[in-house]
Amino acid sequence: MKKLLVIALVLLAGQGIQAQSELELIRATLLDYIEGTANGEADRIRKAFHQDLNLYAVEGDSLRARSGQQYISYFEDGKKRNRIGNIVSIDHENNAAMAKIRVDMPGSKRLYTDYLLLLKIAGEWKIIHKSYTYVPYPK
């Protein structure tokens, strides 16, 4: 009986280690997006985004969609932007994850919230979808 208990504890501990390392890999992908956009590092943004990623937001009463490639083109290598991003939450199961990111944009006086979907494809976590919204700073 003791041997079964020890084996069960070892297996559970191993799953905890695996879950932790997956969270670290997801976090690294999110940081490629956050830091890449803040520091003008298009390669880091490309690394984080799946090539077929699209971004979605509501403007007025209409859906605005644009490609991830178009979004990446807005960032010049080496040109830093006043964007302060942080990871609010990550939830994942097996090879799928979702994350909530806040990006403070002091220059435009806006606080953005990004909702990101990620999949682990060929061993790498990629952001496959981005929906976002913002609120202006209070006056």
N, C-alpha and C. Protein backbone atom coordinates (compact mmCIF):
# COMPACT_ATOMS: atom_id res chain seq x y z
N MET A 1 0.82 -1.19 0.00
CA MET A 1 0.00 0.00 0.00
C MET A 1 0.87 1.26 0.00
N LYS A 2 1.92 1.25 0.81
CA LYS A 2 2.82 2.41 0.85
C LYS A 2 3.47 2.65 -0.50
N LYS A 3 3.85 1.54 -1.19
CA LYS A 3 4.48 1.67 -2.50
C LYS A 3 3.52 2.34 -3.49
N LEU A 4 2.24 1.96 -3.45
CA LEU A 4 1.25 2.57 -4.34
C LEU A 4 1.11 4.07 -4.06
N LEU A 5 1.11 4.42 -2.78
CA LEU A 5 1.00 5.82 -2.40
C LEU A 5 2.21 6.61 -2.89
N VAL A 6 3.41 6.06 -2.74
CA VAL A 6 4.63 6.73 -3.18
C VAL A 6 4.61 6.90 -4.71
N ILE A 7 4.20 5.85 -5.43
CA ILE A 7 4.13 5.93 -6.89
C ILE A 7 3.13 7.00 -7.32
N ALA A 8 1.98 7.04 -6.66
CA ALA A 8 0.96 8.04 -6.99
C ALA A 8 1.48 9.44 -6.74
N LEU A 9 2.16 9.65 -5.64
CA LEU A 9 2.71 10.97 -5.34
C LEU A 9 3.77 11.39 -6.35
N VAL A 10 4.62 10.45 -6.76
CA VAL A 10 5.65 10.75 -7.76
C VAL A 10 5.00 11.13 -9.09
N LEU A 11 3.98 10.39 -9.49
CA LEU A 11 3.29 10.70 -10.75
C LEU A 11 2.62 12.06 -10.68
N LEU A 12 1.96 12.36 -9.58
CA LEU A 12 1.31 13.67 -9.43
C LEU A 12 2.34 14.79 -9.42
N ALA A 13 3.45 14.59 -8.76
CA ALA A 13 4.50 15.62 -8.74
C ALA A 13 5.05 15.84 -10.15
N GLY A 14 5.21 14.78 -10.91
CA GLY A 14 5.68 14.90 -12.28
C GLY A 14 4.72 15.69 -13.14
N GLN A 15 3.42 15.50 -12.95
CA GLN A 15 2.43 16.27 -13.70
C GLN A 15 2.49 17.74 -13.31
N GLY A 16 2.73 18.03 -12.05
CA GLY A 16 2.86 19.41 -11.60
C GLY A 16 4.05 20.10 -12.24
N ILE A 17 5.15 19.37 -12.36
CA ILE A 17 6.35 19.92 -13.00
C ILE A 17 6.06 20.18 -14.47
N GLN A 18 5.38 19.25 -15.15
CA GLN A 18 5.04 19.44 -16.56
C GLN A 18 4.14 20.65 -16.72
N ALA A 19 3.12 20.80 -15.86
CA ALA A 19 2.21 21.94 -15.95
C ALA A 19 2.97 23.24 -15.75
N GLN A 20 3.90 23.26 -14.81
CA GLN A 20 4.69 24.46 -14.57
C GLN A 20 5.53 24.82 -15.79
N SER A 21 6.15 23.83 -16.39
CA SER A 21 6.99 24.16 -17.54
C SER A 21 6.13 24.63 -18.72
N GLU A 22 4.93 24.09 -18.89
CA GLU A 22 4.04 24.57 -19.95
C GLU A 22 3.66 26.03 -19.69
N LEU A 23 3.36 26.36 -18.45
CA LEU A 23 3.04 27.76 -18.11
C LEU A 23 4.22 28.67 -18.41
N GLU A 24 5.42 28.20 -18.13
CA GLU A 24 6.61 29.01 -18.43
C GLU A 24 6.76 29.21 -19.94
N LEU A 25 6.47 28.18 -20.73
CA LEU A 25 6.56 28.30 -22.19
C LEU A 25 5.50 29.25 -22.73
N ILE A 26 4.29 29.16 -22.18
CA ILE A 26 3.22 30.08 -22.59
C ILE A 26 3.61 31.51 -22.22
N ARG A 27 4.09 31.68 -21.00
CA ARG A 27 4.52 33.01 -20.54
C ARG A 27 5.62 33.57 -21.44
N ALA A 28 6.56 32.74 -21.88
CA ALA A 28 7.63 33.19 -22.77
C ALA A 28 7.05 33.68 -24.10
N THR A 29 6.06 32.99 -24.63
CA THR A 29 5.41 33.42 -25.87
C THR A 29 4.72 34.76 -25.66
N LEU A 30 4.01 34.90 -24.54
CA LEU A 30 3.33 36.16 -24.25
C LEU A 30 4.32 37.30 -24.08
N LEU A 31 5.46 37.03 -23.46
CA LEU A 31 6.48 38.07 -23.30
C LEU A 31 7.12 38.44 -24.64
N ASP A 32 7.22 37.48 -25.56
CA ASP A 32 7.70 37.83 -26.91
C ASP A 32 6.76 38.85 -27.53
N TYR A 33 5.46 38.65 -27.36
CA TYR A 33 4.48 39.61 -27.88
C TYR A 33 4.57 40.95 -27.15
N ILE A 34 4.54 40.93 -25.82
CA ILE A 34 4.53 42.16 -25.02
C ILE A 34 5.82 42.97 -25.23
N GLU A 35 6.96 42.31 -25.09
CA GLU A 35 8.24 43.01 -25.19
C GLU A 35 8.59 43.34 -26.64
N GLY A 36 8.18 42.47 -27.57
CA GLY A 36 8.42 42.75 -28.98
C GLY A 36 7.71 43.99 -29.45
N THR A 37 6.45 44.18 -29.01
CA THR A 37 5.70 45.37 -29.40
C THR A 37 6.22 46.62 -28.68
N ALA A 38 6.69 46.47 -27.46
CA ALA A 38 7.20 47.63 -26.71
C ALA A 38 8.57 48.08 -27.22
N ASN A 39 9.38 47.13 -27.65
CA ASN A 39 10.77 47.45 -28.00
C ASN A 39 11.06 47.48 -29.50
N GLY A 40 10.03 47.37 -30.32
CA GLY A 40 10.24 47.38 -31.76
C GLY A 40 11.03 46.18 -32.23
N GLU A 41 10.63 45.00 -31.79
CA GLU A 41 11.31 43.76 -32.17
C GLU A 41 10.34 42.89 -32.96
N ALA A 42 10.22 43.18 -34.25
CA ALA A 42 9.26 42.48 -35.10
C ALA A 42 9.50 40.98 -35.12
N ASP A 43 10.75 40.53 -35.04
CA ASP A 43 11.04 39.10 -35.03
C ASP A 43 10.43 38.42 -33.81
N ARG A 44 10.46 39.08 -32.67
CA ARG A 44 9.84 38.49 -31.47
C ARG A 44 8.32 38.42 -31.62
N ILE A 45 7.73 39.43 -32.24
CA ILE A 45 6.28 39.40 -32.47
C ILE A 45 5.94 38.26 -33.42
N ARG A 46 6.71 38.13 -34.51
CA ARG A 46 6.50 37.02 -35.46
C ARG A 46 6.64 35.67 -34.78
N LYS A 47 7.60 35.57 -33.87
CA LYS A 47 7.82 34.32 -33.14
C LYS A 47 6.60 33.97 -32.29
N ALA A 48 5.97 34.97 -31.70
CA ALA A 48 4.82 34.74 -30.82
C ALA A 48 3.55 34.43 -31.60
N PHE A 49 3.38 35.06 -32.75
CA PHE A 49 2.14 34.94 -33.53
C PHE A 49 2.21 33.77 -34.52
N HIS A 50 1.11 33.06 -34.65
CA HIS A 50 0.97 32.11 -35.75
C HIS A 50 0.82 32.92 -37.03
N GLN A 51 1.33 32.43 -38.13
CA GLN A 51 1.30 33.18 -39.39
C GLN A 51 -0.12 33.52 -39.85
N ASP A 52 -1.12 32.76 -39.41
CA ASP A 52 -2.51 33.02 -39.82
C ASP A 52 -3.32 33.80 -38.78
N LEU A 53 -2.64 34.35 -37.77
CA LEU A 53 -3.34 35.10 -36.72
C LEU A 53 -4.07 36.30 -37.31
N ASN A 54 -5.25 36.54 -36.79
CA ASN A 54 -6.00 37.77 -37.08
C ASN A 54 -6.33 38.46 -35.77
N LEU A 55 -6.51 39.78 -35.85
CA LEU A 55 -6.88 40.60 -34.70
C LEU A 55 -8.28 41.13 -34.93
N TYR A 56 -9.06 41.19 -33.84
CA TYR A 56 -10.45 41.61 -33.93
C TYR A 56 -10.76 42.63 -32.83
N ALA A 57 -11.53 43.65 -33.21
CA ALA A 57 -12.01 44.64 -32.26
C ALA A 57 -13.33 45.19 -32.79
N VAL A 58 -14.04 45.89 -31.94
CA VAL A 58 -15.27 46.55 -32.36
C VAL A 58 -14.98 48.04 -32.44
N GLU A 59 -15.29 48.63 -33.60
CA GLU A 59 -15.18 50.08 -33.79
C GLU A 59 -16.56 50.59 -34.13
N GLY A 60 -17.08 51.48 -33.28
CA GLY A 60 -18.47 51.90 -33.43
C GLY A 60 -19.33 50.68 -33.15
N ASP A 61 -20.10 50.28 -34.13
CA ASP A 61 -20.90 49.06 -33.99
C ASP A 61 -20.45 47.97 -34.96
N SER A 62 -19.26 48.13 -35.51
CA SER A 62 -18.80 47.21 -36.54
C SER A 62 -17.57 46.43 -36.08
N LEU A 63 -17.46 45.23 -36.61
CA LEU A 63 -16.29 44.40 -36.36
C LEU A 63 -15.14 44.89 -37.24
N ARG A 64 -13.99 45.09 -36.61
CA ARG A 64 -12.78 45.44 -37.37
C ARG A 64 -11.84 44.24 -37.27
N ALA A 65 -11.42 43.75 -38.43
CA ALA A 65 -10.50 42.63 -38.47
C ALA A 65 -9.28 43.03 -39.30
N ARG A 66 -8.12 42.58 -38.85
CA ARG A 66 -6.91 42.79 -39.65
C ARG A 66 -5.98 41.61 -39.39
N SER A 67 -5.08 41.42 -40.32
CA SER A 67 -4.17 40.28 -40.22
C SER A 67 -3.05 40.57 -39.23
N GLY A 68 -2.52 39.50 -38.69
CA GLY A 68 -1.36 39.63 -37.83
C GLY A 68 -0.16 40.19 -38.58
N GLN A 69 -0.03 39.84 -39.84
CA GLN A 69 1.08 40.35 -40.65
C GLN A 69 0.98 41.87 -40.81
N GLN A 70 -0.23 42.36 -41.01
CA GLN A 70 -0.44 43.81 -41.11
C GLN A 70 -0.06 44.47 -39.78
N TYR A 71 -0.50 43.89 -38.67
CA TYR A 71 -0.20 44.42 -37.35
C TYR A 71 1.31 44.48 -37.12
N ILE A 72 2.01 43.41 -37.45
CA ILE A 72 3.46 43.37 -37.26
C ILE A 72 4.15 44.48 -38.06
N SER A 73 3.61 44.79 -39.23
CA SER A 73 4.22 45.81 -40.09
C SER A 73 4.21 47.20 -39.45
N TYR A 74 3.38 47.42 -38.43
CA TYR A 74 3.32 48.71 -37.74
C TYR A 74 4.54 48.95 -36.84
N PHE A 75 5.33 47.90 -36.58
CA PHE A 75 6.44 48.00 -35.63
C PHE A 75 7.76 48.03 -36.38
N GLU A 76 8.51 49.14 -36.19
CA GLU A 76 9.82 49.29 -36.81
C GLU A 76 10.88 48.74 -35.88
N ASP A 77 11.80 47.97 -36.45
CA ASP A 77 12.87 47.39 -35.64
C ASP A 77 13.65 48.48 -34.91
N GLY A 78 13.78 48.30 -33.61
CA GLY A 78 14.54 49.22 -32.78
C GLY A 78 13.78 50.44 -32.31
N LYS A 79 12.57 50.68 -32.83
CA LYS A 79 11.81 51.85 -32.42
C LYS A 79 10.90 51.47 -31.24
N LYS A 80 11.30 51.94 -30.06
CA LYS A 80 10.54 51.63 -28.85
C LYS A 80 9.25 52.41 -28.81
N ARG A 81 8.25 51.81 -28.17
CA ARG A 81 6.96 52.46 -27.99
C ARG A 81 6.64 52.50 -26.50
N ASN A 82 5.90 53.49 -26.12
CA ASN A 82 5.51 53.63 -24.72
C ASN A 82 4.30 52.72 -24.46
N ARG A 83 4.59 51.44 -24.35
CA ARG A 83 3.59 50.40 -24.08
C ARG A 83 4.05 49.65 -22.84
N ILE A 84 3.19 49.57 -21.85
CA ILE A 84 3.53 48.85 -20.62
C ILE A 84 2.54 47.69 -20.50
N GLY A 85 3.02 46.51 -20.85
CA GLY A 85 2.16 45.33 -20.85
C GLY A 85 2.41 44.43 -19.67
N ASN A 86 1.34 43.76 -19.23
CA ASN A 86 1.51 42.74 -18.21
C ASN A 86 0.49 41.63 -18.41
N ILE A 87 0.87 40.47 -17.95
CA ILE A 87 0.01 39.29 -18.06
C ILE A 87 -0.92 39.28 -16.86
N VAL A 88 -2.22 39.29 -17.13
CA VAL A 88 -3.22 39.26 -16.06
C VAL A 88 -3.53 37.82 -15.68
N SER A 89 -3.74 36.95 -16.68
CA SER A 89 -4.07 35.56 -16.38
C SER A 89 -3.73 34.66 -17.56
N ILE A 90 -3.50 33.41 -17.20
CA ILE A 90 -3.27 32.35 -18.19
C ILE A 90 -4.07 31.14 -17.74
N ASP A 91 -4.78 30.53 -18.67
CA ASP A 91 -5.47 29.27 -18.40
C ASP A 91 -5.11 28.33 -19.53
N HIS A 92 -4.72 27.10 -19.18
CA HIS A 92 -4.37 26.16 -20.25
C HIS A 92 -4.78 24.74 -19.89
N GLU A 93 -5.00 23.99 -20.93
CA GLU A 93 -5.30 22.56 -20.82
C GLU A 93 -4.68 21.89 -22.04
N ASN A 94 -3.81 20.92 -21.79
CA ASN A 94 -3.17 20.16 -22.84
C ASN A 94 -2.47 21.11 -23.83
N ASN A 95 -2.94 21.21 -25.08
CA ASN A 95 -2.25 22.04 -26.08
C ASN A 95 -3.02 23.30 -26.45
N ALA A 96 -3.94 23.72 -25.57
CA ALA A 96 -4.71 24.95 -25.81
C ALA A 96 -4.62 25.85 -24.58
N ALA A 97 -4.60 27.16 -24.84
CA ALA A 97 -4.50 28.12 -23.73
C ALA A 97 -5.19 29.42 -24.11
N MET A 98 -5.54 30.17 -23.08
CA MET A 98 -6.02 31.53 -23.30
C MET A 98 -5.36 32.42 -22.27
N ALA A 99 -5.15 33.67 -22.67
CA ALA A 99 -4.48 34.62 -21.79
C ALA A 99 -5.16 35.98 -21.88
N LYS A 100 -5.08 36.69 -20.77
CA LYS A 100 -5.57 38.07 -20.72
C LYS A 100 -4.37 38.95 -20.44
N ILE A 101 -4.21 39.97 -21.28
CA ILE A 101 -3.08 40.89 -21.20
C ILE A 101 -3.62 42.31 -21.05
N ARG A 102 -2.98 43.12 -20.22
CA ARG A 102 -3.30 44.54 -20.13
C ARG A 102 -2.11 45.31 -20.69
N VAL A 103 -2.42 46.29 -21.52
CA VAL A 103 -1.37 47.14 -22.10
C VAL A 103 -1.74 48.59 -21.85
N ASP A 104 -0.93 49.24 -21.03
CA ASP A 104 -1.12 50.65 -20.73
C ASP A 104 -0.39 51.46 -21.80
N MET A 105 -1.12 52.38 -22.44
CA MET A 105 -0.55 53.22 -23.50
C MET A 105 -0.64 54.68 -23.04
N PRO A 106 0.32 55.13 -22.23
CA PRO A 106 0.25 56.50 -21.70
C PRO A 106 0.19 57.58 -22.78
N GLY A 107 0.85 57.36 -23.91
CA GLY A 107 0.86 58.37 -24.98
C GLY A 107 -0.53 58.64 -25.53
N SER A 108 -1.32 57.59 -25.71
CA SER A 108 -2.68 57.77 -26.23
C SER A 108 -3.71 57.79 -25.11
N LYS A 109 -3.22 57.68 -23.87
CA LYS A 109 -4.09 57.69 -22.68
C LYS A 109 -5.19 56.64 -22.79
N ARG A 110 -4.76 55.42 -23.11
CA ARG A 110 -5.67 54.29 -23.23
C ARG A 110 -5.12 53.09 -22.48
N LEU A 111 -6.03 52.30 -21.95
CA LEU A 111 -5.69 51.04 -21.32
C LEU A 111 -6.36 49.93 -22.13
N TYR A 112 -5.53 49.15 -22.82
CA TYR A 112 -6.02 48.07 -23.67
C TYR A 112 -6.11 46.77 -22.88
N THR A 113 -7.08 45.96 -23.24
CA THR A 113 -7.18 44.59 -22.74
C THR A 113 -7.19 43.67 -23.96
N ASP A 114 -6.25 42.74 -23.98
CA ASP A 114 -6.14 41.76 -25.06
C ASP A 114 -6.58 40.40 -24.52
N TYR A 115 -7.40 39.73 -25.30
CA TYR A 115 -7.76 38.34 -25.02
C TYR A 115 -7.12 37.51 -26.12
N LEU A 116 -6.20 36.62 -25.74
CA LEU A 116 -5.41 35.86 -26.69
C LEU A 116 -5.71 34.37 -26.57
N LEU A 117 -5.84 33.71 -27.71
CA LEU A 117 -5.94 32.26 -27.76
C LEU A 117 -4.63 31.72 -28.29
N LEU A 118 -4.15 30.67 -27.65
CA LEU A 118 -2.88 30.06 -28.04
C LEU A 118 -3.08 28.56 -28.25
N LEU A 119 -2.29 28.00 -29.16
CA LEU A 119 -2.22 26.56 -29.36
C LEU A 119 -0.76 26.15 -29.40
N LYS A 120 -0.49 24.95 -28.92
CA LYS A 120 0.87 24.41 -29.01
C LYS A 120 0.95 23.62 -30.31
N ILE A 121 1.68 24.16 -31.27
CA ILE A 121 1.77 23.60 -32.60
C ILE A 121 3.22 23.18 -32.85
N ALA A 122 3.41 21.93 -33.20
CA ALA A 122 4.76 21.40 -33.46
C ALA A 122 5.72 21.73 -32.32
N GLY A 123 5.21 21.62 -31.07
CA GLY A 123 6.04 21.83 -29.89
C GLY A 123 6.23 23.28 -29.46
N GLU A 124 5.60 24.24 -30.16
CA GLU A 124 5.75 25.65 -29.82
C GLU A 124 4.40 26.29 -29.57
N TRP A 125 4.32 27.11 -28.53
CA TRP A 125 3.10 27.87 -28.25
C TRP A 125 3.04 29.06 -29.19
N LYS A 126 1.90 29.23 -29.85
CA LYS A 126 1.68 30.33 -30.78
C LYS A 126 0.36 31.01 -30.46
N ILE A 127 0.36 32.34 -30.55
CA ILE A 127 -0.89 33.09 -30.42
C ILE A 127 -1.60 32.97 -31.76
N ILE A 128 -2.82 32.43 -31.73
CA ILE A 128 -3.55 32.20 -32.98
C ILE A 128 -4.70 33.18 -33.18
N HIS A 129 -5.05 33.92 -32.13
CA HIS A 129 -6.20 34.84 -32.20
C HIS A 129 -6.01 35.94 -31.17
N LYS A 130 -6.33 37.16 -31.56
CA LYS A 130 -6.29 38.28 -30.62
C LYS A 130 -7.56 39.10 -30.78
N SER A 131 -8.31 39.23 -29.69
CA SER A 131 -9.43 40.16 -29.61
C SER A 131 -9.05 41.20 -28.57
N TYR A 132 -9.39 42.45 -28.84
CA TYR A 132 -8.96 43.48 -27.90
C TYR A 132 -10.00 44.59 -27.81
N THR A 133 -9.86 45.33 -26.72
CA THR A 133 -10.69 46.51 -26.50
C THR A 133 -9.85 47.49 -25.69
N TYR A 134 -10.34 48.71 -25.55
CA TYR A 134 -9.63 49.68 -24.71
C TYR A 134 -10.63 50.60 -24.04
N VAL A 135 -10.15 51.21 -22.97
CA VAL A 135 -10.89 52.28 -22.31
C VAL A 135 -9.96 53.48 -22.21
N PRO A 136 -10.50 54.68 -22.39
CA PRO A 136 -9.65 55.87 -22.21
C PRO A 136 -9.36 56.08 -20.73
N TYR A 137 -8.26 56.77 -20.46
CA TYR A 137 -7.97 57.13 -19.08
C TYR A 137 -9.11 57.99 -18.54
N PRO A 138 -9.41 57.85 -17.26
CA PRO A 138 -10.42 58.75 -16.67
C PRO A 138 -9.92 60.19 -16.68
N LYS A 139 -10.83 61.12 -16.86
CA LYS A 139 -10.44 62.55 -16.89
C LYS A 139 -10.36 63.12 -15.51
